[in-house]
Each structure stands twice: as structure tokens, then as C-alpha cells.
Protein backbone atom coordinates (compact mmCIF):
# COMPACT_ATOMS: atom_id res chain seq x y z
CA UNK A 1 -21.02 16.99 -4.03
CA UNK A 2 -20.33 13.94 -1.95
CA UNK A 3 -21.85 12.40 1.21
CA UNK A 4 -19.47 12.47 4.03
CA UNK A 5 -19.82 10.52 7.44
CA UNK A 6 -18.68 12.24 10.55
CA UNK A 7 -17.89 11.75 14.39
CA UNK A 8 -17.99 15.20 16.39
CA UNK A 9 -17.52 16.12 20.33
CA UNK A 10 -19.60 19.06 21.33
CA UNK A 11 -17.77 21.76 23.75
CA UNK A 12 -19.36 19.76 26.68
CA UNK A 13 -17.83 16.94 25.63
CA UNK A 14 -20.74 14.87 23.87
CA UNK A 15 -20.09 12.21 20.97
CA UNK A 16 -22.22 12.67 18.04
CA UNK A 17 -22.15 11.04 14.55
CA UNK A 18 -23.73 12.06 11.41
CA UNK A 19 -24.00 12.51 7.46
CA UNK A 20 -23.30 15.52 5.27
CA UNK A 21 -22.56 16.30 2.25
CA UNK A 22 -19.91 18.40 1.08
CA UNK A 23 -17.32 19.03 -1.96
CA UNK A 24 -14.78 17.47 0.47
CA UNK A 25 -13.70 16.63 3.80
CA UNK A 26 -12.13 19.97 4.42
CA UNK A 27 -15.54 21.40 3.93
CA UNK A 28 -16.89 19.14 6.30
CA UNK A 29 -14.35 20.19 8.85
CA UNK A 30 -15.56 23.97 8.47
CA UNK A 31 -19.16 23.29 8.42
CA UNK A 32 -18.44 21.35 11.65
CA UNK A 33 -16.70 24.01 13.10
CA UNK A 34 -18.96 26.49 12.33
CA UNK A 35 -21.56 24.53 14.48
CA UNK A 36 -19.04 25.18 17.34
CA UNK A 37 -18.37 21.26 17.08
CA UNK A 38 -14.90 19.41 17.29
CA UNK A 39 -14.33 16.66 14.18
CA UNK A 40 -12.69 13.63 15.38
CA UNK A 41 -12.97 11.40 12.10
CA UNK A 42 -14.32 12.47 8.21
CA UNK A 43 -14.97 9.13 5.82
CA UNK A 44 -16.46 8.74 2.57
CA UNK A 45 -20.45 7.41 2.92
CA UNK A 46 -20.35 3.67 2.46
CA UNK A 47 -16.34 3.65 2.64
CA UNK A 48 -16.79 0.76 4.74
CA UNK A 49 -18.29 -1.60 2.22
CA UNK A 50 -15.31 -1.04 -0.43
CA UNK A 51 -12.93 -4.30 -1.23
CA UNK A 52 -9.83 -2.57 -1.04
CA UNK A 53 -10.60 -0.99 2.35
CA UNK A 54 -11.06 -4.38 3.57
CA UNK A 55 -8.09 -5.46 2.40
CA UNK A 56 -5.96 -2.80 3.72
CA UNK A 57 -7.85 -3.45 7.69
CA UNK A 58 -6.51 -6.94 7.72
CA UNK A 59 -3.79 -6.94 10.83
CA UNK A 60 -0.96 -4.45 9.82
CA UNK A 61 -3.65 -2.29 7.64
CA UNK A 62 -5.73 -2.41 11.04
CA UNK A 63 -2.95 -1.38 13.11
CA UNK A 64 -2.35 1.29 10.59
CA UNK A 65 -6.03 2.89 10.41
CA UNK A 66 -5.71 2.78 14.36
CA UNK A 67 -2.88 4.84 14.47
CA UNK A 68 -4.39 7.37 11.77
CA UNK A 69 -7.62 7.81 13.89
CA UNK A 70 -5.66 8.26 17.06
CA UNK A 71 -3.35 10.90 15.07
CA UNK A 72 -6.82 12.89 13.31
CA UNK A 73 -8.56 12.53 16.35
CA UNK A 74 -5.89 13.97 18.71
CA UNK A 75 -4.94 16.51 16.45
CA UNK A 76 -8.40 17.91 16.44
CA UNK A 77 -8.47 18.15 19.84
CA UNK A 78 -5.37 19.95 20.57
CA UNK A 79 -6.17 22.53 17.66
CA UNK A 80 -9.38 22.80 19.04
CA UNK A 81 -7.27 23.93 22.51
CA UNK A 82 -7.70 21.30 24.96
CA UNK A 83 -4.56 20.01 26.77
CA UNK A 84 -2.76 16.71 25.94
CA UNK A 85 -3.77 15.06 28.73
CA UNK A 86 -7.54 16.15 28.26
CA UNK A 87 -7.71 15.39 24.76
CA UNK A 88 -6.56 11.76 26.10
CA UNK A 89 -9.29 11.50 28.34
CA UNK A 90 -11.85 12.34 25.48
CA UNK A 91 -10.28 10.23 23.02
CA UNK A 92 -10.26 7.37 26.21
CA UNK A 93 -14.08 7.76 26.51
CA UNK A 94 -15.49 7.65 22.68
CA UNK A 95 -13.24 4.82 21.47
CA UNK A 96 -15.42 1.92 21.04
CA UNK A 97 -12.69 -0.64 20.30
CA UNK A 98 -10.64 -2.13 23.52
CA UNK A 99 -7.90 -2.54 22.00
CA UNK A 100 -7.97 0.99 20.63
CA UNK A 101 -8.84 2.05 24.78
CA UNK A 102 -6.00 -0.10 26.11
CA UNK A 103 -3.11 1.76 23.80
CA UNK A 104 -4.81 4.80 25.12
CA UNK A 105 -4.50 3.98 28.34
CA UNK A 106 -0.80 3.33 27.97
CA UNK A 107 -0.39 6.56 26.09
CA UNK A 108 -2.12 8.41 29.06
CA UNK A 109 -0.36 6.79 31.81
CA UNK A 110 2.96 7.72 30.33
CA UNK A 111 1.82 11.06 30.08
CA UNK A 112 0.53 11.37 33.64
CA UNK A 113 3.96 10.15 34.46
CA UNK A 114 5.66 13.50 32.94
CA UNK A 115 7.35 11.76 29.85
CA UNK A 116 6.70 13.89 26.54
CA UNK A 117 4.35 12.19 24.20
CA UNK A 118 7.04 11.05 21.80
CA UNK A 119 8.55 8.99 24.71
CA UNK A 120 5.28 7.65 25.37
CA UNK A 121 4.46 6.85 21.65
CA UNK A 122 8.09 4.94 21.31
CA UNK A 123 7.43 2.60 24.23
CA UNK A 124 4.22 1.49 22.71
CA UNK A 125 6.27 -2.06 21.09
CA UNK A 126 6.74 -0.04 17.67
CA UNK A 127 3.01 0.36 16.95
CA UNK A 128 4.14 3.71 16.01
CA UNK A 129 6.89 3.91 13.31
CA UNK A 130 10.54 5.84 13.93
CA UNK A 131 9.34 8.48 11.42
CA UNK A 132 6.24 9.50 13.64
CA UNK A 133 8.25 9.78 16.74
CA UNK A 134 10.75 11.90 15.03
CA UNK A 135 7.71 14.06 13.97
CA UNK A 136 5.93 14.16 16.97
CA UNK A 137 9.27 14.92 19.07
CA UNK A 138 10.28 17.62 16.70
CA UNK A 139 6.85 19.13 16.96
CA UNK A 140 7.31 19.13 20.90
CA UNK A 141 10.38 21.20 20.19
CA UNK A 142 8.81 23.32 18.13
CA UNK A 143 5.90 23.98 20.63
CA UNK A 144 3.47 23.28 17.76
CA UNK A 145 2.22 19.71 18.80
CA UNK A 146 -1.02 20.34 17.42
CA UNK A 147 -0.01 21.36 13.76
CA UNK A 148 3.03 18.48 13.97
CA UNK A 149 -0.12 15.86 14.59
CA UNK A 150 -1.87 17.46 11.52
CA UNK A 151 1.02 16.93 9.07
CA UNK A 152 1.35 13.61 10.27
CA UNK A 153 -2.50 12.82 9.75
CA UNK A 154 -2.05 14.44 6.50
CA UNK A 155 0.59 12.28 5.60
CA UNK A 156 -0.75 9.13 6.54
CA UNK A 157 -3.76 10.02 4.82
CA UNK A 158 -2.36 10.74 1.70
CA UNK A 159 -0.03 7.79 1.85
CA UNK A 160 -3.16 5.25 2.89
CA UNK A 161 -4.70 6.73 -0.35
CA UNK A 162 -1.82 5.57 -2.60
CA UNK A 163 -1.41 2.71 -1.09
CA UNK A 164 -5.34 1.59 -1.40
CA UNK A 165 -5.15 3.10 -5.66
CA UNK A 166 -2.39 0.54 -5.86
CA UNK A 167 -4.10 -2.26 -4.24
CA UNK A 168 -7.65 -1.55 -5.64
CA UNK A 169 -5.93 -1.22 -9.58
CA UNK A 170 -4.19 -4.68 -8.55
CA UNK A 171 -7.51 -6.10 -7.08
CA UNK A 172 -9.12 -7.04 -10.73
CA UNK A 173 -6.31 -8.58 -12.71
CA UNK A 174 -5.27 -10.96 -9.23
CA UNK A 175 -8.93 -11.68 -9.33
CA UNK A 176 -8.90 -12.87 -13.11
CA UNK A 177 -5.94 -14.67 -12.94
CA UNK A 178 -7.59 -17.06 -10.03
CA UNK A 179 -10.42 -17.63 -12.03
CA UNK A 180 -8.05 -18.53 -15.01
CA UNK A 181 -6.27 -21.05 -12.84
CA UNK A 182 -9.71 -22.44 -11.18
CA UNK A 183 -10.89 -22.56 -14.89
CA UNK A 184 -8.16 -24.51 -16.28
CA UNK A 185 -7.75 -26.94 -12.98
CA UNK A 186 -11.83 -27.47 -12.78
CA UNK A 187 -11.25 -28.22 -16.97
CA UNK A 188 -8.26 -30.49 -16.51
CA UNK A 189 -9.73 -32.31 -13.63
CA UNK A 190 -13.13 -32.95 -14.41
CA UNK A 191 -14.16 -32.04 -17.49
CA UNK A 192 -11.43 -33.83 -19.45
CA UNK A 193 -11.55 -37.11 -17.78
CA UNK A 194 -15.06 -37.72 -18.57
CA UNK A 195 -13.96 -37.84 -22.37
CA UNK A 196 -10.87 -40.68 -21.65
CA UNK A 197 -13.56 -43.53 -21.68
CA UNK A 198 -14.91 -42.10 -25.12
CA UNK A 199 -11.06 -41.67 -26.38
CA UNK A 200 -9.96 -45.24 -24.38
CA UNK A 201 -9.89 -47.31 -27.77
CA UNK A 202 -8.46 -44.73 -29.90
CA UNK A 203 -4.89 -44.86 -28.77
CA UNK A 204 -2.19 -43.18 -30.88
CA UNK A 205 -4.80 -42.50 -33.41
CA UNK A 206 -5.77 -39.59 -30.97
CA UNK A 207 -4.41 -36.13 -32.44
CA UNK A 208 -1.66 -34.62 -30.98
CA UNK A 209 -3.44 -31.58 -29.11
CA UNK A 210 -5.66 -34.11 -27.94
CA UNK A 211 -3.30 -36.52 -26.65
CA UNK A 212 -1.47 -32.97 -25.10
CA UNK A 213 -4.50 -32.01 -23.59
CA UNK A 214 -5.02 -35.60 -21.62
CA UNK A 215 -1.40 -35.85 -20.52
CA UNK A 216 -1.82 -32.40 -18.73
CA UNK A 217 -5.15 -33.86 -17.43
CA UNK A 218 -3.27 -36.80 -16.20
CA UNK A 219 -0.42 -34.86 -14.58
CA UNK A 220 -2.33 -32.34 -12.83
CA UNK A 221 -4.73 -35.20 -11.35
CA UNK A 222 -1.47 -37.45 -10.30
CA UNK A 223 1.05 -34.64 -9.18
CA UNK A 224 -0.91 -31.70 -8.36
CA UNK A 225 -1.28 -31.60 -4.80
CA UNK A 226 2.42 -32.33 -4.93
CA UNK A 227 2.82 -29.63 -7.15
CA UNK A 228 1.11 -27.44 -4.79
CA UNK A 229 2.93 -28.79 -1.84
CA UNK A 230 6.14 -28.07 -3.47
CA UNK A 231 4.87 -24.29 -4.54
CA UNK A 232 4.00 -23.44 -0.44
CA UNK A 233 7.25 -25.02 0.28
CA UNK A 234 9.15 -22.71 -2.10
CA UNK A 235 7.64 -20.02 -1.22
CA UNK A 236 8.14 -20.51 2.12
CA UNK A 237 11.91 -21.05 1.08
CA UNK A 238 12.39 -17.97 -0.77
CA UNK A 239 10.94 -15.69 1.55
CA UNK A 240 13.14 -16.67 3.71
CA UNK A 241 16.36 -16.49 1.14
CA UNK A 242 15.09 -13.09 0.42
CA UNK A 243 15.52 -12.07 4.39
CA UNK A 244 19.37 -12.08 3.50
CA UNK A 245 19.78 -8.54 2.67
CA UNK A 246 22.46 -8.67 -0.10
CA UNK A 247 20.04 -11.10 -1.57
CA UNK A 248 17.22 -8.52 -1.28
CA UNK A 249 18.98 -5.75 -2.36
CA UNK A 250 20.31 -7.89 -5.77
CA UNK A 251 16.52 -8.91 -6.01
CA UNK A 252 15.34 -4.89 -5.64
CA UNK A 253 18.18 -3.73 -8.06
CA UNK A 254 17.13 -6.26 -10.72
CA UNK A 255 13.65 -5.06 -10.40
CA UNK A 256 14.50 -1.60 -10.94
CA UNK A 257 16.03 -2.55 -14.06
CA UNK A 258 12.89 -4.11 -15.80
CA UNK A 259 10.73 -2.40 -18.07
CA UNK A 260 7.53 -1.37 -16.88
CA UNK A 261 7.61 -2.58 -13.31
CA UNK A 262 11.07 -0.87 -12.51
CA UNK A 263 9.64 2.67 -13.84
CA UNK A 264 6.56 2.09 -11.96
CA UNK A 265 8.51 1.15 -8.62
CA UNK A 266 10.93 4.19 -9.12
CA UNK A 267 7.64 6.49 -9.67
CA UNK A 268 6.52 4.72 -6.27
CA UNK A 269 9.41 5.12 -4.35
CA UNK A 270 9.82 8.32 -4.85
CA UNK A 271 6.32 9.62 -4.09
CA UNK A 272 6.78 7.85 -0.83
CA UNK A 273 10.47 9.05 -0.07
CA UNK A 274 9.30 12.53 -1.32
CA UNK A 275 6.44 13.21 1.33
CA UNK A 276 8.49 11.64 3.75
CA UNK A 277 11.32 13.61 3.79
CA UNK A 278 9.08 16.91 2.82
CA UNK A 279 6.84 16.04 5.93
CA UNK A 280 10.02 15.77 8.18
CA UNK A 281 11.79 18.92 6.89
CA UNK A 282 8.27 20.65 7.31
CA UNK A 283 8.19 19.03 10.78
CA UNK A 284 11.54 20.45 12.15
CA UNK A 285 13.57 17.29 11.65
CA UNK A 286 17.54 18.51 10.96
CA UNK A 287 17.78 16.85 7.45
CA UNK A 288 21.07 14.27 8.13
CA UNK A 289 18.28 13.24 10.35
CA UNK A 290 14.89 13.41 8.03
CA UNK A 291 17.05 11.40 5.36
CA UNK A 292 17.70 8.38 7.57
CA UNK A 293 14.39 8.36 8.60
CA UNK A 294 12.92 8.75 5.13
CA UNK A 295 15.11 6.30 3.81
CA UNK A 296 13.68 3.36 6.16
CA UNK A 297 10.16 4.23 4.89
CA UNK A 298 11.40 2.82 1.30
CA UNK A 299 10.57 -0.73 0.59
CA UNK A 300 13.25 -1.16 -2.12
CA UNK A 301 16.66 -1.42 -0.37
CA UNK A 302 18.79 -0.91 -3.12
CA UNK A 303 17.23 2.59 -3.12
CA UNK A 304 16.88 2.76 0.95
CA UNK A 305 20.99 2.08 0.16
CA UNK A 306 21.36 5.30 -2.58
CA UNK A 307 19.38 7.34 0.02
CA UNK A 308 21.73 6.86 2.93
CA UNK A 309 24.65 7.31 0.81
CA UNK A 310 23.47 10.59 -0.20
CA UNK A 311 22.98 11.31 3.50
CA UNK A 312 26.23 10.98 3.92
CA UNK A 313 27.03 13.33 0.85
CA UNK A 314 24.58 15.97 2.53
CA UNK A 315 26.64 15.60 6.12
CA UNK A 316 29.90 16.37 3.96
CA UNK A 317 28.38 19.56 3.25
CA UNK A 318 27.33 18.42 -0.31
CA UNK A 319 23.20 19.41 -1.42
CA UNK A 320 20.63 16.57 -1.70
CA UNK A 321 20.28 17.04 -5.27
CA UNK A 322 23.75 16.17 -6.46
CA UNK A 323 23.93 12.82 -5.07
CA UNK A 324 20.60 11.63 -5.57
CA UNK A 325 21.16 12.33 -9.60
CA UNK A 326 24.87 10.75 -9.37
CA UNK A 327 23.07 7.53 -8.39
CA UNK A 328 19.84 7.75 -10.77
CA UNK A 329 17.81 6.49 -7.79
CA UNK A 330 14.79 8.99 -8.81
CA UNK A 331 13.60 10.15 -12.15
CA UNK A 332 15.26 13.34 -13.56
CA UNK A 333 12.45 15.60 -13.17
CA UNK A 334 12.10 14.64 -9.49
CA UNK A 335 15.83 15.37 -9.21
CA UNK A 336 15.59 18.66 -11.03
CA UNK A 337 12.68 20.03 -8.66
CA UNK A 338 14.60 19.17 -5.54
CA UNK A 339 17.24 21.48 -6.72
CA UNK A 340 14.93 24.21 -7.21
CA UNK A 341 13.50 23.66 -3.46
CA UNK A 342 17.14 23.78 -2.64
CA UNK A 343 18.06 26.90 -4.33
CA UNK A 344 15.09 29.00 -3.29
CA UNK A 345 15.11 27.42 0.31
CA UNK A 346 11.67 26.13 -0.27
CA UNK A 347 12.73 22.48 -0.10
CA UNK A 348 10.09 21.21 2.27
CA UNK A 349 7.19 22.54 0.16
CA UNK A 350 9.18 21.51 -3.12
CA UNK A 351 9.12 17.58 -1.95
CA UNK A 352 5.49 17.09 -1.01
CA UNK A 353 4.76 18.91 -4.79
CA UNK A 354 7.20 16.26 -5.87
CA UNK A 355 5.42 13.68 -3.77
CA UNK A 356 1.73 14.94 -5.12
CA UNK A 357 3.15 14.59 -9.02
CA UNK A 358 4.28 10.92 -8.48
CA UNK A 359 1.13 10.20 -7.49
CA UNK A 360 -0.90 11.28 -10.30
CA UNK A 361 1.76 9.31 -12.32
CA UNK A 362 1.36 6.28 -10.37
CA UNK A 363 -2.32 6.42 -11.09
CA UNK A 364 -1.78 7.01 -14.39
CA UNK A 365 1.02 4.08 -15.21
CA UNK A 366 -1.22 1.79 -13.12
CA UNK A 367 -4.01 2.86 -15.27
CA UNK A 368 -2.10 2.11 -18.50
CA UNK A 369 -0.50 -1.41 -17.72
CA UNK A 370 -3.90 -2.29 -16.89
CA UNK A 371 -5.45 -1.06 -19.97
CA UNK A 372 -3.14 -3.34 -21.74
CA UNK A 373 -3.07 -6.25 -18.82
CA UNK A 374 -6.52 -6.86 -18.36
CA UNK A 375 -7.23 -7.43 -22.32
CA UNK A 376 -4.41 -9.58 -22.90
CA UNK A 377 -5.33 -11.65 -19.57
CA UNK A 378 -8.87 -12.05 -20.93
CA UNK A 379 -7.81 -13.22 -24.46
CA UNK A 380 -4.98 -15.65 -23.18
CA UNK A 381 -7.58 -16.97 -20.71
CA UNK A 382 -10.13 -17.57 -23.52
CA UNK A 383 -7.23 -19.04 -25.89
CA UNK A 384 -6.53 -21.61 -23.46
CA UNK A 385 -9.98 -22.67 -22.59
CA UNK A 386 -10.42 -22.47 -26.66
CA UNK A 387 -7.91 -24.63 -27.28
CA UNK A 388 -8.46 -27.33 -25.15
CA UNK A 389 -12.12 -27.27 -26.08
CA UNK A 390 -11.32 -27.53 -29.67
CA UNK A 391 -8.92 -30.39 -28.96
CA UNK A 392 -11.58 -32.23 -27.65
CA UNK A 393 -13.97 -31.97 -30.55
CA UNK A 394 -11.13 -32.94 -33.04
CA UNK A 395 -10.90 -36.07 -31.35
CA UNK A 396 -14.96 -36.55 -31.84
CA UNK A 397 -14.75 -35.66 -34.90
CA UNK A 398 -11.58 -38.18 -35.70
CA UNK A 399 -13.50 -41.12 -34.60
CA UNK A 400 -15.62 -41.04 -37.29
CA UNK A 401 -12.25 -41.36 -39.48
CA UNK A 402 -11.43 -44.48 -37.63
CA UNK A 403 -11.08 -47.97 -39.68
CA UNK A 404 -13.57 -50.46 -38.56
């Protein structure tokens, strides 16, 4: 059993906060509904102190978190039978953040002027993606806005969980790499220069390893700031260079061909694409439009191009699995599952199963990679520091061998 914090409303509109012990968030929802409460937000207790959560709430992550909270709260209120305008009014009353209140006011103003929710969301300066707006529009057309919003909230939750899983897994190696770099800089700029006076009279009598380490220390002290500035400028230039669509597509194509990294990228993008497309199809978005929108959610431009070509094939009357298999953009198992979904007429459900499968595969692949990477980084850092120390010790021991 886990501890969850919740934000809920009474039937009179009073805001309630508290904690409940339950097996999962769905159990918390059921407990609150039994008590006659309307759940707005449910989170694992202590989630706010997790490092990866703080990382994902920076800038873009903050906007994504607000969109998720907006979707979850609006879905629950409308599922409880409230009208759209009444639900937005309640959300405006209980929202503690000025920025979120401003967003809610703009959306409510658009709705009160007679616009549909999807149109009001589209006018929010790109805060809501084309994927999100299309899902809401399809739900409005089908007359099931509350269900569409609940599907959207589930999609955002799973996408955020996958993103946090990847970031959490990479956090420790990044810290380890940073510690290694800082350790080497301190040793080369502060520790090694302390021995320069001791070795000043030895000249060429120093062992080769010691001369190499001393030369590295001198280089870092003299040229270190220039190297750092050069790296910053190079990264800025590279970022601008990669804005060229053809260059980025070539880079992404090369990434897919790399051992280990390429397979992980395919799994990650397959999970993202399958969940996006499955959610859109379940919401009633036509296949060709859904493919175009789902393709835009992919970060790898080469895969997005293959999906665009597949959409053209589907427009011409072919099934989705055939062009995807011909391009080789996805794992064979995912393509076979998509083929079965098309044959049985349950493509949306099968796509969501593919997404769940590759969510787990991404977790397993990352864990395997870290199982190898972390010891290698630790051993590598230890060997570098040990090599530097040994080079100094050998030089000190060789002092006794100098001719008088």
C-alpha cells in the first residue's frame, strides 16, 4: 500500500486536501467518490521532493505539468456532471497559481463567447499542442468531451511517467560524469602544481608518465578557459547547424544505426508514436489525420519522415503495417501487433498495448545499459585518478636515484 495526497471538491464546491493510503491512484479515486467527493488531483505522497520531478518542472516541464493538471481536473469535474463553464469556474476558484488562473480566464472567456473548447485551447499561443486540440475536437464531435479529456489525461500521465523514467535513469550517470570532470580539473589545476617546485630541478630526469601529467596540468591552466569558451561556442554553432531539417534528419538517421543507442531510440519512439496514435484513434480522429499528428510527436525526424510516407500509403488505400514494415522504422514485434490490430478491427487498443509493451522495454533497456555503464564510469574514473597519483609517486621515488 502507498500513501497518496489528493485535492478534491465537495458537492458544494468546497476544496479539500488530504492523504489516503491505497494500492494505486484509481483506488484513491474510488474512495473519494464513495465519500461524495470530486477528485481533482492525486499524487504519490512526497513526490514533490524527488529530484527528477524538479528537473521536469523547469520551464517547458512546468507548462506540461499545468496542462496535465488542467486536463485531469476538467475531466473529473465534467465526469461528475458539471457543465463546461461551471467546471472552468470552479477550477478558477481553486487554482493557487496566478499564471494558471490567467490561462483559465482566457479559456473561459473564449467558451463564454460561444467558441468550442478546442477552438479556445487552440488560441492559447501554442500552450496546447495540435495533438491535444485534435483530441478535444474529436471528443466534442462525438459528444463525449469528459471521456476524451480522461483519455487525454491518461495519455499525458503515461507520457510524463516515461519521460521521468528516462531522466531518472540518466541522472546518476550524469552526476558521476560531472564529478569525474570536476575531480580531474581540481587535480590538474591545484594538486599537480603543488609538485612543480619539487620537480623543478629534475628536468628530463622525470619519468615519462609524470612529464605527460605535468604537461596536461599546464595545458589546463593556460588554455582551459579558452577550451571552455570554445566548447560553448561550438555547442551554440552546432545547435544552429542542426536546425537545418536535412542536417537533423541525417543526424537522426545516423543515431538509429548506432548499436545500443539506435535500438533504445526505436523503442522509445515506438512507445511514443503508438500511444499517440492509439489515443487519437480511440478519440475518433480519422486515421490519416491521426498519423500526421502522431508523427509530429516524434523527436527523431527520420522516423517522422517514414511515418509521413506511411500516411501517404494509407491515404492511397494500403494498411498501416505494410509501409511501416517496408521502412524498417519500428521493431518487427510492434509491426506484427499493429497488423493484428488492423485485421481484428481493434487497432486503437492494440496500439496502446504496443505502447505499454515498449514502455516496459525502454525501462529494461535503460537498466541494462546502466548496469554496464555505471561500473565502467566508476572504474574509468578510478583508473584516471590512480594513474595521475602513480605518476607523481614514481617521480618522487625517482628523486633518490638522481646523481649527486
